[in-house]
Amino acid sequence: MQILYRLEFIMAEKSFEDKMLNLELIKKDLEKDDLSLDDAVKKFEDGMKISRECREILDNAEKKITILLEGEEKDFVQS
């Protein structure tokens, strides 16, 4: 049951917060001693992919914030 829930969660993830939660689940799995080397490597690869996706989301958010702040500075100078 738990595996099915986690699979559904992974397939349905959309938000940054969901991706971070999934990374936490992967981290906990990797900390267990019951994974085979192949399973551990696969989980690590999945974690790296999700990590890159999160980094991209954060980079895009930073760009948007920078653009918004620059727009406010121009509005302030023009006033």
PDB file of N, CA and C in Angstrom:
ATOM      1  N   MET A   1       0.822  -1.196   0.000  1.00  0.00           N
ATOM      2  CA  MET A   1       0.000   0.000   0.000  1.00  0.00           C
ATOM      3  C   MET A   1       0.867   1.261   0.000  1.00  0.00           C
ATOM      4  N   GLN A   2       1.891   1.273   0.841  1.00  0.00           N
ATOM      5  CA  GLN A   2       2.752   2.445   0.928  1.00  0.00           C
ATOM      6  C   GLN A   2       3.489   2.668  -0.392  1.00  0.00           C
ATOM      7  N   ILE A   3       3.923   1.597  -1.028  1.00  0.00           N
ATOM      8  CA  ILE A   3       4.639   1.724  -2.301  1.00  0.00           C
ATOM      9  C   ILE A   3       3.724   2.314  -3.361  1.00  0.00           C
ATOM     10  N   LEU A   4       2.478   1.850  -3.410  1.00  0.00           N
ATOM     11  CA  LEU A   4       1.520   2.382  -4.379  1.00  0.00           C
ATOM     12  C   LEU A   4       1.278   3.863  -4.116  1.00  0.00           C
ATOM     13  N   TYR A   5       1.122   4.245  -2.858  1.00  0.00           N
ATOM     14  CA  TYR A   5       0.920   5.655  -2.526  1.00  0.00           C
ATOM     15  C   TYR A   5       2.115   6.482  -2.988  1.00  0.00           C
ATOM     16  N   ARG A   6       3.311   5.988  -2.731  1.00  0.00           N
ATOM     17  CA  ARG A   6       4.505   6.740  -3.101  1.00  0.00           C
ATOM     18  C   ARG A   6       4.625   6.842  -4.612  1.00  0.00           C
ATOM     19  N   LEU A   7       4.273   5.770  -5.325  1.00  0.00           N
ATOM     20  CA  LEU A   7       4.317   5.812  -6.775  1.00  0.00           C
ATOM     21  C   LEU A   7       3.324   6.842  -7.301  1.00  0.00           C
ATOM     22  N   GLU A   8       2.119   6.844  -6.749  1.00  0.00           N
ATOM     23  CA  GLU A   8       1.125   7.829  -7.164  1.00  0.00           C
ATOM     24  C   GLU A   8       1.617   9.235  -6.853  1.00  0.00           C
ATOM     25  N   PHE A   9       2.254   9.416  -5.710  1.00  0.00           N
ATOM     26  CA  PHE A   9       2.771  10.730  -5.324  1.00  0.00           C
ATOM     27  C   PHE A   9       3.840  11.186  -6.309  1.00  0.00           C
ATOM     28  N   ILE A  10       4.739  10.280  -6.648  1.00  0.00           N
ATOM     29  CA  ILE A  10       5.827  10.631  -7.569  1.00  0.00           C
ATOM     30  C   ILE A  10       5.266  10.991  -8.937  1.00  0.00           C
ATOM     31  N   MET A  11       4.297  10.228  -9.408  1.00  0.00           N
ATOM     32  CA  MET A  11       3.722  10.471 -10.724  1.00  0.00           C
ATOM     33  C   MET A  11       2.926  11.779 -10.751  1.00  0.00           C
ATOM     34  N   ALA A  12       2.337  12.163  -9.619  1.00  0.00           N
ATOM     35  CA  ALA A  12       1.457  13.327  -9.583  1.00  0.00           C
ATOM     36  C   ALA A  12       2.173  14.610  -9.165  1.00  0.00           C
ATOM     37  N   GLU A  13       3.453  14.512  -8.815  1.00  0.00           N
ATOM     38  CA  GLU A  13       4.141  15.693  -8.302  1.00  0.00           C
ATOM     39  C   GLU A  13       4.136  16.819  -9.330  1.00  0.00           C
ATOM     40  N   LYS A  14       3.873  18.010  -8.838  1.00  0.00           N
ATOM     41  CA  LYS A  14       3.816  19.155  -9.724  1.00  0.00           C
ATOM     42  C   LYS A  14       4.540  20.355  -9.132  1.00  0.00           C
ATOM     43  N   SER A  15       4.359  20.574  -7.874  1.00  0.00           N
ATOM     44  CA  SER A  15       4.882  21.796  -7.274  1.00  0.00           C
ATOM     45  C   SER A  15       6.305  21.600  -6.749  1.00  0.00           C
ATOM     46  N   PHE A  16       6.939  22.709  -6.494  1.00  0.00           N
ATOM     47  CA  PHE A  16       8.274  22.705  -5.894  1.00  0.00           C
ATOM     48  C   PHE A  16       8.236  21.969  -4.560  1.00  0.00           C
ATOM     49  N   GLU A  17       7.198  22.249  -3.778  1.00  0.00           N
ATOM     50  CA  GLU A  17       7.082  21.632  -2.456  1.00  0.00           C
ATOM     51  C   GLU A  17       6.936  20.111  -2.569  1.00  0.00           C
ATOM     52  N   ASP A  18       6.184  19.659  -3.565  1.00  0.00           N
ATOM     53  CA  ASP A  18       6.041  18.219  -3.782  1.00  0.00           C
ATOM     54  C   ASP A  18       7.380  17.591  -4.155  1.00  0.00           C
ATOM     55  N   LYS A  19       8.125  18.268  -4.986  1.00  0.00           N
ATOM     56  CA  LYS A  19       9.436  17.760  -5.393  1.00  0.00           C
ATOM     57  C   LYS A  19      10.383  17.687  -4.189  1.00  0.00           C
ATOM     58  N   MET A  20      10.337  18.685  -3.331  1.00  0.00           N
ATOM     59  CA  MET A  20      11.187  18.677  -2.146  1.00  0.00           C
ATOM     60  C   MET A  20      10.793  17.542  -1.202  1.00  0.00           C
ATOM     61  N   LEU A  21       9.510  17.303  -1.059  1.00  0.00           N
ATOM     62  CA  LEU A  21       9.047  16.207  -0.224  1.00  0.00           C
ATOM     63  C   LEU A  21       9.506  14.870  -0.809  1.00  0.00           C
ATOM     64  N   ASN A  22       9.435  14.744  -2.111  1.00  0.00           N
ATOM     65  CA  ASN A  22       9.904  13.521  -2.763  1.00  0.00           C
ATOM     66  C   ASN A  22      11.405  13.329  -2.544  1.00  0.00           C
ATOM     67  N   LEU A  23      12.159  14.411  -2.599  1.00  0.00           N
ATOM     68  CA  LEU A  23      13.595  14.322  -2.319  1.00  0.00           C
ATOM     69  C   LEU A  23      13.835  13.819  -0.899  1.00  0.00           C
ATOM     70  N   GLU A  24      13.028  14.278   0.037  1.00  0.00           N
ATOM     71  CA  GLU A  24      13.161  13.835   1.424  1.00  0.00           C
ATOM     72  C   GLU A  24      12.865  12.336   1.543  1.00  0.00           C
ATOM     73  N   LEU A  25      11.865  11.860   0.816  1.00  0.00           N
ATOM     74  CA  LEU A  25      11.557  10.423   0.830  1.00  0.00           C
ATOM     75  C   LEU A  25      12.713   9.613   0.246  1.00  0.00           C
ATOM     76  N   ILE A  26      13.289  10.107  -0.826  1.00  0.00           N
ATOM     77  CA  ILE A  26      14.433   9.425  -1.438  1.00  0.00           C
ATOM     78  C   ILE A  26      15.604   9.400  -0.469  1.00  0.00           C
ATOM     79  N   LYS A  27      15.842  10.513   0.196  1.00  0.00           N
ATOM     80  CA  LYS A  27      16.936  10.597   1.168  1.00  0.00           C
ATOM     81  C   LYS A  27      16.756   9.561   2.272  1.00  0.00           C
ATOM     82  N   LYS A  28      15.535   9.458   2.780  1.00  0.00           N
ATOM     83  CA  LYS A  28      15.272   8.480   3.845  1.00  0.00           C
ATOM     84  C   LYS A  28      15.489   7.061   3.345  1.00  0.00           C
ATOM     85  N   ASP A  29      15.065   6.788   2.121  1.00  0.00           N
ATOM     86  CA  ASP A  29      15.276   5.455   1.551  1.00  0.00           C
ATOM     87  C   ASP A  29      16.761   5.148   1.424  1.00  0.00           C
ATOM     88  N   LEU A  30      17.536   6.137   0.992  1.00  0.00           N
ATOM     89  CA  LEU A  30      18.976   5.930   0.812  1.00  0.00           C
ATOM     90  C   LEU A  30      19.697   5.723   2.147  1.00  0.00           C
ATOM     91  N   GLU A  31      19.138   6.260   3.216  1.00  0.00           N
ATOM     92  CA  GLU A  31      19.755   6.107   4.531  1.00  0.00           C
ATOM     93  C   GLU A  31      19.509   4.732   5.131  1.00  0.00           C
ATOM     94  N   LYS A  32      18.548   3.992   4.586  1.00  0.00           N
ATOM     95  CA  LYS A  32      18.271   2.641   5.065  1.00  0.00           C
ATOM     96  C   LYS A  32      19.351   1.693   4.549  1.00  0.00           C
ATOM     97  N   ASP A  33      19.543   0.624   5.271  1.00  0.00           N
ATOM     98  CA  ASP A  33      20.567  -0.355   4.880  1.00  0.00           C
ATOM     99  C   ASP A  33      20.001  -1.491   4.034  1.00  0.00           C
ATOM    100  N   ASP A  34      18.718  -1.425   3.676  1.00  0.00           N
ATOM    101  CA  ASP A  34      18.109  -2.571   3.009  1.00  0.00           C
ATOM    102  C   ASP A  34      18.018  -2.443   1.487  1.00  0.00           C
ATOM    103  N   LEU A  35      18.622  -1.420   0.902  1.00  0.00           N
ATOM    104  CA  LEU A  35      18.596  -1.251  -0.556  1.00  0.00           C
ATOM    105  C   LEU A  35      19.774  -1.949  -1.199  1.00  0.00           C
ATOM    106  N   SER A  36      19.515  -2.580  -2.341  1.00  0.00           N
ATOM    107  CA  SER A  36      20.626  -3.136  -3.105  1.00  0.00           C
ATOM    108  C   SER A  36      21.399  -1.972  -3.730  1.00  0.00           C
ATOM    109  N   LEU A  37      22.581  -2.246  -4.197  1.00  0.00           N
ATOM    110  CA  LEU A  37      23.391  -1.209  -4.834  1.00  0.00           C
ATOM    111  C   LEU A  37      22.667  -0.645  -6.050  1.00  0.00           C
ATOM    112  N   ASP A  38      22.072  -1.517  -6.859  1.00  0.00           N
ATOM    113  CA  ASP A  38      21.349  -1.057  -8.049  1.00  0.00           C
ATOM    114  C   ASP A  38      20.181  -0.149  -7.680  1.00  0.00           C
ATOM    115  N   ASP A  39      19.417  -0.543  -6.642  1.00  0.00           N
ATOM    116  CA  ASP A  39      18.284   0.278  -6.208  1.00  0.00           C
ATOM    117  C   ASP A  39      18.756   1.618  -5.650  1.00  0.00           C
ATOM    118  N   ALA A  40      19.856   1.583  -4.906  1.00  0.00           N
ATOM    119  CA  ALA A  40      20.392   2.817  -4.330  1.00  0.00           C
ATOM    120  C   ALA A  40      20.855   3.765  -5.437  1.00  0.00           C
ATOM    121  N   VAL A  41      21.517   3.234  -6.447  1.00  0.00           N
ATOM    122  CA  VAL A  41      21.984   4.064  -7.561  1.00  0.00           C
ATOM    123  C   VAL A  41      20.789   4.653  -8.305  1.00  0.00           C
ATOM    124  N   LYS A  42      19.753   3.853  -8.529  1.00  0.00           N
ATOM    125  CA  LYS A  42      18.555   4.337  -9.217  1.00  0.00           C
ATOM    126  C   LYS A  42      17.896   5.456  -8.417  1.00  0.00           C
ATOM    127  N   LYS A  43      17.773   5.275  -7.110  1.00  0.00           N
ATOM    128  CA  LYS A  43      17.173   6.322  -6.278  1.00  0.00           C
ATOM    129  C   LYS A  43      18.037   7.581  -6.297  1.00  0.00           C
ATOM    130  N   PHE A  44      19.351   7.401  -6.277  1.00  0.00           N
ATOM    131  CA  PHE A  44      20.254   8.548  -6.335  1.00  0.00           C
ATOM    132  C   PHE A  44      20.067   9.305  -7.649  1.00  0.00           C
ATOM    133  N   GLU A  45      19.974   8.568  -8.748  1.00  0.00           N
ATOM    134  CA  GLU A  45      19.740   9.205 -10.052  1.00  0.00           C
ATOM    135  C   GLU A  45      18.416   9.966 -10.058  1.00  0.00           C
ATOM    136  N   ASP A  46      17.377   9.350  -9.507  1.00  0.00           N
ATOM    137  CA  ASP A  46      16.075  10.023  -9.425  1.00  0.00           C
ATOM    138  C   ASP A  46      16.188  11.302  -8.599  1.00  0.00           C
ATOM    139  N   GLY A  47      16.904  11.199  -7.494  1.00  0.00           N
ATOM    140  CA  GLY A  47      17.086  12.364  -6.629  1.00  0.00           C
ATOM    141  C   GLY A  47      17.834  13.487  -7.333  1.00  0.00           C
ATOM    142  N   MET A  48      18.850  13.129  -8.093  1.00  0.00           N
ATOM    143  CA  MET A  48      19.606  14.148  -8.828  1.00  0.00           C
ATOM    144  C   MET A  48      18.730  14.823  -9.883  1.00  0.00           C
ATOM    145  N   LYS A  49      17.887  14.056 -10.550  1.00  0.00           N
ATOM    146  CA  LYS A  49      16.979  14.618 -11.556  1.00  0.00           C
ATOM    147  C   LYS A  49      16.012  15.601 -10.897  1.00  0.00           C
ATOM    148  N   ILE A  50      15.438  15.197  -9.790  1.00  0.00           N
ATOM    149  CA  ILE A  50      14.499  16.076  -9.077  1.00  0.00           C
ATOM    150  C   ILE A  50      15.224  17.305  -8.546  1.00  0.00           C
ATOM    151  N   SER A  51      16.439  17.116  -8.076  1.00  0.00           N
ATOM    152  CA  SER A  51      17.234  18.237  -7.578  1.00  0.00           C
ATOM    153  C   SER A  51      17.479  19.266  -8.672  1.00  0.00           C
ATOM    154  N   ARG A  52      17.795  18.798  -9.876  1.00  0.00           N
ATOM    155  CA  ARG A  52      17.990  19.720 -11.000  1.00  0.00           C
ATOM    156  C   ARG A  52      16.696  20.459 -11.332  1.00  0.00           C
ATOM    157  N   GLU A  53      15.577  19.749 -11.280  1.00  0.00           N
ATOM    158  CA  GLU A  53      14.283  20.382 -11.544  1.00  0.00           C
ATOM    159  C   GLU A  53      14.002  21.473 -10.500  1.00  0.00           C
ATOM    160  N   CYS A  54      14.302  21.188  -9.247  1.00  0.00           N
ATOM    161  CA  CYS A  54      14.101  22.178  -8.179  1.00  0.00           C
ATOM    162  C   CYS A  54      15.014  23.384  -8.384  1.00  0.00           C
ATOM    163  N   ARG A  55      16.250  23.125  -8.761  1.00  0.00           N
ATOM    164  CA  ARG A  55      17.203  24.217  -9.006  1.00  0.00           C
ATOM    165  C   ARG A  55      16.691  25.114 -10.133  1.00  0.00           C
ATOM    166  N   GLU A  56      16.125  24.506 -11.175  1.00  0.00           N
ATOM    167  CA  GLU A  56      15.580  25.273 -12.281  1.00  0.00           C
ATOM    168  C   GLU A  56      14.391  26.125 -11.829  1.00  0.00           C
ATOM    169  N   ILE A  57      13.549  25.550 -11.006  1.00  0.00           N
ATOM    170  CA  ILE A  57      12.402  26.304 -10.472  1.00  0.00           C
ATOM    171  C   ILE A  57      12.897  27.490  -9.654  1.00  0.00           C
ATOM    172  N   LEU A  58      13.884  27.257  -8.810  1.00  0.00           N
ATOM    173  CA  LEU A  58      14.432  28.341  -7.985  1.00  0.00           C
ATOM    174  C   LEU A  58      15.107  29.410  -8.845  1.00  0.00           C
ATOM    175  N   ASP A  59      15.858  28.993  -9.850  1.00  0.00           N
ATOM    176  CA  ASP A  59      16.504  29.957 -10.744  1.00  0.00           C
ATOM    177  C   ASP A  59      15.470  30.825 -11.450  1.00  0.00           C
ATOM    178  N   ASN A  60      14.399  30.208 -11.929  1.00  0.00           N
ATOM    179  CA  ASN A  60      13.340  30.969 -12.603  1.00  0.00           C
ATOM    180  C   ASN A  60      12.656  31.933 -11.649  1.00  0.00           C
ATOM    181  N   ALA A  61      12.427  31.499 -10.425  1.00  0.00           N
ATOM    182  CA  ALA A  61      11.810  32.389  -9.433  1.00  0.00           C
ATOM    183  C   ALA A  61      12.726  33.573  -9.140  1.00  0.00           C
ATOM    184  N   GLU A  62      14.031  33.306  -9.040  1.00  0.00           N
ATOM    185  CA  GLU A  62      14.991  34.377  -8.785  1.00  0.00           C
ATOM    186  C   GLU A  62      14.997  35.384  -9.937  1.00  0.00           C
ATOM    187  N   LYS A  63      14.935  34.895 -11.163  1.00  0.00           N
ATOM    188  CA  LYS A  63      14.901  35.790 -12.328  1.00  0.00           C
ATOM    189  C   LYS A  63      13.652  36.663 -12.307  1.00  0.00           C
ATOM    190  N   LYS A  64      12.512  36.062 -11.983  1.00  0.00           N
ATOM    191  CA  LYS A  64      11.267  36.828 -11.917  1.00  0.00           C
ATOM    192  C   LYS A  64      11.342  37.911 -10.850  1.00  0.00           C
ATOM    193  N   ILE A  65      11.882  37.553  -9.693  1.00  0.00           N
ATOM    194  CA  ILE A  65      12.005  38.520  -8.603  1.00  0.00           C
ATOM    195  C   ILE A  65      12.936  39.653  -9.000  1.00  0.00           C
ATOM    196  N   THR A  66      14.043  39.317  -9.650  1.00  0.00           N
ATOM    197  CA  THR A  66      14.985  40.343 -10.104  1.00  0.00           C
ATOM    198  C   THR A  66      14.314  41.295 -11.079  1.00  0.00           C
ATOM    199  N   ILE A  67      13.564  40.757 -12.026  1.00  0.00           N
ATOM    200  CA  ILE A  67      12.854  41.595 -12.999  1.00  0.00           C
ATOM    201  C   ILE A  67      11.850  42.502 -12.298  1.00  0.00           C
ATOM    202  N   LEU A  68      11.114  41.939 -11.345  1.00  0.00           N
ATOM    203  CA  LEU A  68      10.133  42.739 -10.606  1.00  0.00           C
ATOM    204  C   LEU A  68      10.802  43.848  -9.801  1.00  0.00           C
ATOM    205  N   LEU A  69      11.914  43.518  -9.148  1.00  0.00           N
ATOM    206  CA  LEU A  69      12.611  44.520  -8.347  1.00  0.00           C
ATOM    207  C   LEU A  69      13.216  45.613  -9.234  1.00  0.00           C
ATOM    208  N   GLU A  70      13.742  45.225 -10.379  1.00  0.00           N
ATOM    209  CA  GLU A  70      14.300  46.228 -11.292  1.00  0.00           C
ATOM    210  C   GLU A  70      13.199  47.152 -11.794  1.00  0.00           C
ATOM    211  N   GLY A  71      12.026  46.606 -12.035  1.00  0.00           N
ATOM    212  CA  GLY A  71      10.891  47.423 -12.462  1.00  0.00           C
ATOM    213  C   GLY A  71      10.477  48.425 -11.392  1.00  0.00           C
ATOM    214  N   GLU A  72      10.512  48.000 -10.133  1.00  0.00           N
ATOM    215  CA  GLU A  72      10.179  48.900  -9.040  1.00  0.00           C
ATOM    216  C   GLU A  72      11.224  50.006  -8.912  1.00  0.00           C
ATOM    217  N   GLU A  73      12.492  49.666  -9.107  1.00  0.00           N
ATOM    218  CA  GLU A  73      13.542  50.676  -9.024  1.00  0.00           C
ATOM    219  C   GLU A  73      13.364  51.725 -10.114  1.00  0.00           C
ATOM    220  N   LYS A  74      13.001  51.308 -11.319  1.00  0.00           N
ATOM    221  CA  LYS A  74      12.768  52.259 -12.407  1.00  0.00           C
ATOM    222  C   LYS A  74      11.579  53.149 -12.087  1.00  0.00           C
ATOM    223  N   ASP A  75      10.518  52.567 -11.552  1.00  0.00           N
ATOM    224  CA  ASP A  75       9.351  53.353 -11.163  1.00  0.00           C
ATOM    225  C   ASP A  75       9.707  54.359 -10.078  1.00  0.00           C
ATOM    226  N   PHE A  76      10.549  53.976  -9.138  1.00  0.00           N
ATOM    227  CA  PHE A  76      10.947  54.868  -8.047  1.00  0.00           C
ATOM    228  C   PHE A  76      11.785  56.026  -8.576  1.00  0.00           C
ATOM    229  N   VAL A  77      12.699  55.757  -9.488  1.00  0.00           N
ATOM    230  CA  VAL A  77      13.582  56.779 -10.049  1.00  0.00           C
ATOM    231  C   VAL A  77      12.773  57.760 -10.899  1.00  0.00           C
ATOM    232  N   GLN A  78      11.785  57.287 -11.644  1.00  0.00           N
ATOM    233  CA  GLN A  78      11.000  58.135 -12.512  1.00  0.00           C
ATOM    234  C   GLN A  78      10.062  59.060 -11.736  1.00  0.00           C
ATOM    235  N   SER A  79       9.707  58.712 -10.528  1.00  0.00           N
ATOM    236  CA  SER A  79       8.734  59.503  -9.762  1.00  0.00           C
ATOM    237  C   SER A  79       9.281  60.822  -9.303  1.00  0.00           C
TER     238      SER A  79
END
